[in-house]
PDB file of N, CA and C in Angstrom:
ATOM      1  N   LEU A   1     148.091  38.716  70.512  1.00  0.00           N
ATOM      2  CA  LEU A   1     148.482  39.647  71.590  1.00  0.00           C
ATOM      3  C   LEU A   1     147.354  39.788  72.613  1.00  0.00           C
ATOM      4  N   PHE A   2     146.140  39.924  72.094  1.00  0.00           N
ATOM      5  CA  PHE A   2     144.994  40.087  73.001  1.00  0.00           C
ATOM      6  C   PHE A   2     144.772  38.814  73.818  1.00  0.00           C
ATOM      7  N   GLY A   3     144.942  37.663  73.151  1.00  0.00           N
ATOM      8  CA  GLY A   3     144.771  36.391  73.850  1.00  0.00           C
ATOM      9  C   GLY A   3     145.802  36.244  74.964  1.00  0.00           C
ATOM     10  N   LEU A   4     147.033  36.666  74.675  1.00  0.00           N
ATOM     11  CA  LEU A   4     148.094  36.580  75.674  1.00  0.00           C
ATOM     12  C   LEU A   4     147.794  37.494  76.852  1.00  0.00           C
ATOM     13  N   LEU A   5     147.234  38.660  76.552  1.00  0.00           N
ATOM     14  CA  LEU A   5     146.884  39.613  77.601  1.00  0.00           C
ATOM     15  C   LEU A   5     145.796  39.042  78.510  1.00  0.00           C
ATOM     16  N   VAL A   6     144.786  38.430  77.887  1.00  0.00           N
ATOM     17  CA  VAL A   6     143.699  37.815  78.653  1.00  0.00           C
ATOM     18  C   VAL A   6     144.239  36.694  79.528  1.00  0.00           C
ATOM     19  N   LEU A   7     145.156  35.901  78.960  1.00  0.00           N
ATOM     20  CA  LEU A   7     145.746  34.795  79.703  1.00  0.00           C
ATOM     21  C   LEU A   7     146.517  35.310  80.915  1.00  0.00           C
ATOM     22  N   ARG A   8     147.278  36.373  80.718  1.00  0.00           N
ATOM     23  CA  ARG A   8     148.069  36.946  81.809  1.00  0.00           C
ATOM     24  C   ARG A   8     147.171  37.535  82.886  1.00  0.00           C
ATOM     25  N   VAL A   9     146.113  38.241  82.458  1.00  0.00           N
ATOM     26  CA  VAL A   9     145.169  38.828  83.415  1.00  0.00           C
ATOM     27  C   VAL A   9     144.469  37.722  84.194  1.00  0.00           C
ATOM     28  N   GLY A  10     144.078  36.661  83.494  1.00  0.00           N
ATOM     29  CA  GLY A  10     143.418  35.533  84.145  1.00  0.00           C
ATOM     30  C   GLY A  10     144.330  34.883  85.180  1.00  0.00           C
ATOM     31  N   TRP A  11     145.619  34.745  84.835  1.00  0.00           N
ATOM     32  CA  TRP A  11     146.573  34.153  85.757  1.00  0.00           C
ATOM     33  C   TRP A  11     146.759  35.053  86.980  1.00  0.00           C
ATOM     34  N   PHE A  12     146.822  36.346  86.752  1.00  0.00           N
ATOM     35  CA  PHE A  12     147.011  37.303  87.841  1.00  0.00           C
ATOM     36  C   PHE A  12     145.818  37.284  88.786  1.00  0.00           C
ATOM     37  N   VAL A  13     144.609  37.247  88.211  1.00  0.00           N
ATOM     38  CA  VAL A  13     143.386  37.215  89.018  1.00  0.00           C
ATOM     39  C   VAL A  13     143.333  35.932  89.830  1.00  0.00           C
ATOM     40  N   SER A  14     143.684  34.805  89.206  1.00  0.00           N
ATOM     41  CA  SER A  14     143.679  33.523  89.900  1.00  0.00           C
ATOM     42  C   SER A  14     144.686  33.539  91.046  1.00  0.00           C
ATOM     43  N   PHE A  15     145.879  34.071  90.804  1.00  0.00           N
ATOM     44  CA  PHE A  15     146.924  34.130  91.812  1.00  0.00           C
ATOM     45  C   PHE A  15     146.495  35.021  92.974  1.00  0.00           C
ATOM     46  N   THR A  16     145.864  36.158  92.644  1.00  0.00           N
ATOM     47  CA  THR A  16     145.395  37.079  93.672  1.00  0.00           C
ATOM     48  C   THR A  16     144.298  36.429  94.494  1.00  0.00           C
ATOM     49  N   CYS A  17     143.415  35.688  93.824  1.00  0.00           N
ATOM     50  CA  CYS A  17     142.318  35.012  94.504  1.00  0.00           C
ATOM     51  C   CYS A  17     142.879  33.977  95.471  1.00  0.00           C
ATOM     52  N   ILE A  18     143.898  33.246  95.028  1.00  0.00           N
ATOM     53  CA  ILE A  18     144.543  32.245  95.879  1.00  0.00           C
ATOM     54  C   ILE A  18     145.180  32.918  97.092  1.00  0.00           C
ATOM     55  N   GLU A  19     145.816  34.031  96.870  1.00  0.00           N
ATOM     56  CA  GLU A  19     146.485  34.760  97.945  1.00  0.00           C
ATOM     57  C   GLU A  19     145.485  35.297  98.964  1.00  0.00           C
ATOM     58  N   LEU A  20     144.358  35.826  98.472  1.00  0.00           N
ATOM     59  CA  LEU A  20     143.412  36.503  99.351  1.00  0.00           C
ATOM     60  C   LEU A  20     142.457  35.547 100.052  1.00  0.00           C
ATOM     61  N   VAL A  21     141.870  34.612  99.300  1.00  0.00           N
ATOM     62  CA  VAL A  21     140.806  33.796  99.870  1.00  0.00           C
ATOM     63  C   VAL A  21     141.229  32.363 100.143  1.00  0.00           C
ATOM     64  N   GLY A  22     142.184  31.872  99.384  1.00  0.00           N
ATOM     65  CA  GLY A  22     142.580  30.488  99.565  1.00  0.00           C
ATOM     66  C   GLY A  22     142.208  29.640  98.366  1.00  0.00           C
ATOM     67  N   TRP A  23     142.971  28.586  98.105  1.00  0.00           N
ATOM     68  CA  TRP A  23     142.784  27.788  96.896  1.00  0.00           C
ATOM     69  C   TRP A  23     141.513  26.956  96.931  1.00  0.00           C
ATOM     70  N   LEU A  24     140.990  26.671  98.107  1.00  0.00           N
ATOM     71  CA  LEU A  24     139.761  25.879  98.190  1.00  0.00           C
ATOM     72  C   LEU A  24     138.566  26.656  97.665  1.00  0.00           C
ATOM     73  N   VAL A  25     138.533  27.959  97.949  1.00  0.00           N
ATOM     74  CA  VAL A  25     137.430  28.801  97.513  1.00  0.00           C
ATOM     75  C   VAL A  25     137.482  29.014  96.003  1.00  0.00           C
ATOM     76  N   CYS A  26     138.686  29.180  95.505  1.00  0.00           N
ATOM     77  CA  CYS A  26     138.820  29.449  94.068  1.00  0.00           C
ATOM     78  C   CYS A  26     138.851  28.148  93.290  1.00  0.00           C
TER      79      CYS A  26
END
């Protein structure tokens, strides 16, 4: 459960980073 939570948070952070700064930066 904890691993799944970390995975989801990581995906959300990556998606937000892509949205805000762009995929080249991330």
